[in-house]
Amino acid sequence: MTLEIGQLVKFTASARYKEWNKQELAEITDILATYPENQSTIYMVRPRGGKDEFWVYDTEITPTYEQLTLF
């Protein structure tokens, strides 16, 4: 599964060095390496409301979609 730049994702795993929290949202800013050239796909992401960017493996994120809820 290849994600696109600008896509909203949710973290499914805990951070390596406390960069993010599990279930936190982030936006993909770049694709650094893709499978099969690399062992896995690596993305640059920016957490929602944050300034810092960092890399994650494709196994640490899952796509998510913003939903509009009407009451």
N, C-alpha and C. Protein backbone atom coordinates (compact mmCIF):
# COMPACT_ATOMS: atom_id res chain seq x y z
N MET A 1 0.84 -1.16 0.00
CA MET A 1 0.00 0.00 0.00
C MET A 1 0.90 1.24 0.00
N THR A 2 0.78 2.05 -1.02
CA THR A 2 1.55 3.28 -1.11
C THR A 2 0.65 4.45 -0.76
N LEU A 3 1.09 5.26 0.17
CA LEU A 3 0.36 6.45 0.57
C LEU A 3 0.87 7.63 -0.24
N GLU A 4 0.10 8.70 -0.28
CA GLU A 4 0.46 9.86 -1.09
C GLU A 4 0.87 11.03 -0.20
N ILE A 5 1.64 11.94 -0.78
CA ILE A 5 2.03 13.16 -0.07
C ILE A 5 0.78 13.98 0.21
N GLY A 6 0.68 14.48 1.43
CA GLY A 6 -0.48 15.25 1.84
C GLY A 6 -1.58 14.42 2.48
N GLN A 7 -1.44 13.10 2.46
CA GLN A 7 -2.46 12.23 3.03
C GLN A 7 -2.38 12.22 4.55
N LEU A 8 -3.53 12.14 5.19
CA LEU A 8 -3.62 12.09 6.64
C LEU A 8 -3.47 10.65 7.11
N VAL A 9 -2.63 10.44 8.11
CA VAL A 9 -2.38 9.09 8.64
C VAL A 9 -2.48 9.11 10.16
N LYS A 10 -2.65 7.90 10.72
CA LYS A 10 -2.70 7.73 12.16
C LYS A 10 -1.59 6.77 12.56
N PHE A 11 -0.91 7.06 13.67
CA PHE A 11 0.17 6.19 14.14
C PHE A 11 -0.42 4.95 14.79
N THR A 12 0.11 3.78 14.42
CA THR A 12 -0.38 2.52 14.97
C THR A 12 0.59 1.92 15.98
N ALA A 13 1.76 2.50 16.10
CA ALA A 13 2.77 1.98 17.02
C ALA A 13 3.31 3.11 17.88
N SER A 14 3.92 2.76 18.96
CA SER A 14 4.53 3.76 19.84
C SER A 14 5.79 4.33 19.18
N ALA A 15 6.15 5.53 19.56
CA ALA A 15 7.31 6.21 18.99
C ALA A 15 8.61 5.59 19.49
N ARG A 16 9.63 5.70 18.64
CA ARG A 16 10.95 5.21 19.01
C ARG A 16 11.57 6.07 20.11
N TYR A 17 11.48 7.40 19.95
CA TYR A 17 12.09 8.33 20.89
C TYR A 17 11.10 9.37 21.36
N LYS A 18 9.86 8.97 21.54
CA LYS A 18 8.78 9.84 22.05
C LYS A 18 8.45 11.01 21.12
N GLU A 19 8.60 10.81 19.79
CA GLU A 19 8.25 11.87 18.84
C GLU A 19 6.74 12.02 18.70
N TRP A 20 6.00 10.94 18.90
CA TRP A 20 4.55 10.96 18.73
C TRP A 20 3.91 10.00 19.71
N ASN A 21 2.58 10.11 19.81
CA ASN A 21 1.78 9.20 20.63
C ASN A 21 0.98 8.28 19.71
N LYS A 22 0.73 7.09 20.18
CA LYS A 22 -0.09 6.15 19.41
C LYS A 22 -1.48 6.77 19.20
N GLN A 23 -2.04 6.60 18.01
CA GLN A 23 -3.35 7.12 17.59
C GLN A 23 -3.33 8.61 17.25
N GLU A 24 -2.18 9.28 17.32
CA GLU A 24 -2.06 10.68 16.94
C GLU A 24 -2.11 10.80 15.42
N LEU A 25 -2.61 11.92 14.92
CA LEU A 25 -2.71 12.14 13.48
C LEU A 25 -1.49 12.88 12.96
N ALA A 26 -1.14 12.60 11.70
CA ALA A 26 -0.02 13.28 11.05
C ALA A 26 -0.30 13.37 9.56
N GLU A 27 0.45 14.21 8.88
CA GLU A 27 0.33 14.38 7.44
C GLU A 27 1.64 13.97 6.78
N ILE A 28 1.56 13.22 5.69
CA ILE A 28 2.75 12.81 4.96
C ILE A 28 3.29 14.00 4.18
N THR A 29 4.59 14.30 4.35
CA THR A 29 5.20 15.43 3.66
C THR A 29 6.15 15.00 2.55
N ASP A 30 6.65 13.75 2.61
CA ASP A 30 7.56 13.27 1.58
C ASP A 30 7.66 11.76 1.65
N ILE A 31 8.06 11.14 0.55
CA ILE A 31 8.31 9.71 0.49
C ILE A 31 9.80 9.52 0.28
N LEU A 32 10.47 8.93 1.27
CA LEU A 32 11.93 8.82 1.24
C LEU A 32 12.41 7.58 0.51
N ALA A 33 11.76 6.45 0.71
CA ALA A 33 12.16 5.19 0.08
C ALA A 33 10.93 4.33 -0.10
N THR A 34 10.91 3.56 -1.17
CA THR A 34 9.75 2.70 -1.44
C THR A 34 10.17 1.25 -1.59
N TYR A 35 9.23 0.36 -1.33
CA TYR A 35 9.42 -1.06 -1.56
C TYR A 35 9.15 -1.30 -3.04
N PRO A 36 9.84 -2.08 -3.77
CA PRO A 36 10.80 -3.11 -3.43
C PRO A 36 12.26 -2.65 -3.43
N GLU A 37 12.55 -1.41 -3.81
CA GLU A 37 13.94 -0.96 -3.79
C GLU A 37 14.50 -1.00 -2.36
N ASN A 38 13.66 -0.74 -1.39
CA ASN A 38 14.05 -0.76 0.01
C ASN A 38 13.28 -1.89 0.70
N GLN A 39 13.65 -2.26 1.90
CA GLN A 39 12.95 -3.32 2.64
C GLN A 39 11.51 -2.93 2.96
N SER A 40 11.27 -1.65 3.17
CA SER A 40 9.92 -1.14 3.44
C SER A 40 9.85 0.30 2.96
N THR A 41 8.64 0.84 2.90
CA THR A 41 8.47 2.22 2.48
C THR A 41 8.68 3.13 3.69
N ILE A 42 9.42 4.22 3.49
CA ILE A 42 9.72 5.15 4.56
C ILE A 42 9.15 6.52 4.17
N TYR A 43 8.41 7.13 5.10
CA TYR A 43 7.76 8.41 4.85
C TYR A 43 8.26 9.46 5.82
N MET A 44 8.26 10.73 5.38
CA MET A 44 8.45 11.87 6.26
C MET A 44 7.06 12.34 6.64
N VAL A 45 6.84 12.57 7.93
CA VAL A 45 5.52 13.02 8.39
C VAL A 45 5.67 14.21 9.33
N ARG A 46 4.59 14.99 9.42
CA ARG A 46 4.51 16.11 10.36
C ARG A 46 3.24 15.90 11.18
N PRO A 47 3.36 15.76 12.50
CA PRO A 47 2.17 15.59 13.34
C PRO A 47 1.24 16.79 13.22
N ARG A 48 -0.04 16.55 13.38
CA ARG A 48 -1.03 17.62 13.32
C ARG A 48 -0.73 18.64 14.41
N GLY A 49 -0.61 19.90 14.04
CA GLY A 49 -0.35 20.97 14.99
C GLY A 49 1.12 21.09 15.39
N GLY A 50 1.99 20.33 14.74
CA GLY A 50 3.41 20.37 15.09
C GLY A 50 4.24 21.00 13.99
N LYS A 51 5.47 21.36 14.32
CA LYS A 51 6.38 21.95 13.35
C LYS A 51 7.44 20.96 12.89
N ASP A 52 7.80 20.03 13.77
CA ASP A 52 8.87 19.08 13.47
C ASP A 52 8.41 18.00 12.50
N GLU A 53 9.34 17.54 11.68
CA GLU A 53 9.09 16.42 10.77
C GLU A 53 10.04 15.29 11.13
N PHE A 54 9.62 14.06 10.92
CA PHE A 54 10.47 12.91 11.17
C PHE A 54 10.03 11.76 10.29
N TRP A 55 10.88 10.72 10.18
CA TRP A 55 10.57 9.61 9.29
C TRP A 55 9.94 8.47 10.07
N VAL A 56 9.08 7.72 9.36
CA VAL A 56 8.41 6.55 9.93
C VAL A 56 8.36 5.45 8.88
N TYR A 57 8.31 4.21 9.36
CA TYR A 57 8.10 3.07 8.47
C TYR A 57 6.62 2.94 8.13
N ASP A 58 6.32 2.29 7.01
CA ASP A 58 4.93 2.08 6.62
C ASP A 58 4.16 1.23 7.62
N THR A 59 4.84 0.42 8.42
CA THR A 59 4.17 -0.42 9.42
C THR A 59 3.76 0.37 10.66
N GLU A 60 4.25 1.60 10.81
CA GLU A 60 3.95 2.42 11.98
C GLU A 60 2.77 3.35 11.76
N ILE A 61 2.24 3.41 10.53
CA ILE A 61 1.13 4.32 10.23
C ILE A 61 0.06 3.59 9.42
N THR A 62 -1.14 4.14 9.46
CA THR A 62 -2.24 3.64 8.65
C THR A 62 -3.03 4.84 8.12
N PRO A 63 -3.58 4.76 6.91
CA PRO A 63 -4.33 5.89 6.40
C PRO A 63 -5.60 6.12 7.19
N THR A 64 -5.97 7.37 7.33
CA THR A 64 -7.20 7.73 8.00
C THR A 64 -7.82 8.90 7.25
N TYR A 65 -9.09 9.06 7.42
CA TYR A 65 -9.81 10.09 6.69
C TYR A 65 -10.61 10.92 7.68
N GLU A 66 -10.55 12.23 7.51
CA GLU A 66 -11.33 13.12 8.37
C GLU A 66 -12.80 12.94 8.04
N GLN A 67 -13.62 12.89 9.08
CA GLN A 67 -15.05 12.72 8.89
C GLN A 67 -15.78 13.90 9.48
N LEU A 68 -16.78 14.32 8.80
CA LEU A 68 -17.64 15.39 9.28
C LEU A 68 -18.81 14.75 10.00
N THR A 69 -19.01 15.12 11.25
CA THR A 69 -20.10 14.55 12.05
C THR A 69 -21.16 15.61 12.25
N LEU A 70 -22.36 15.28 11.91
CA LEU A 70 -23.49 16.20 12.09
C LEU A 70 -24.38 15.67 13.21
N PHE A 71 -24.76 16.53 14.11
CA PHE A 71 -25.61 16.11 15.21
C PHE A 71 -27.01 16.64 15.01
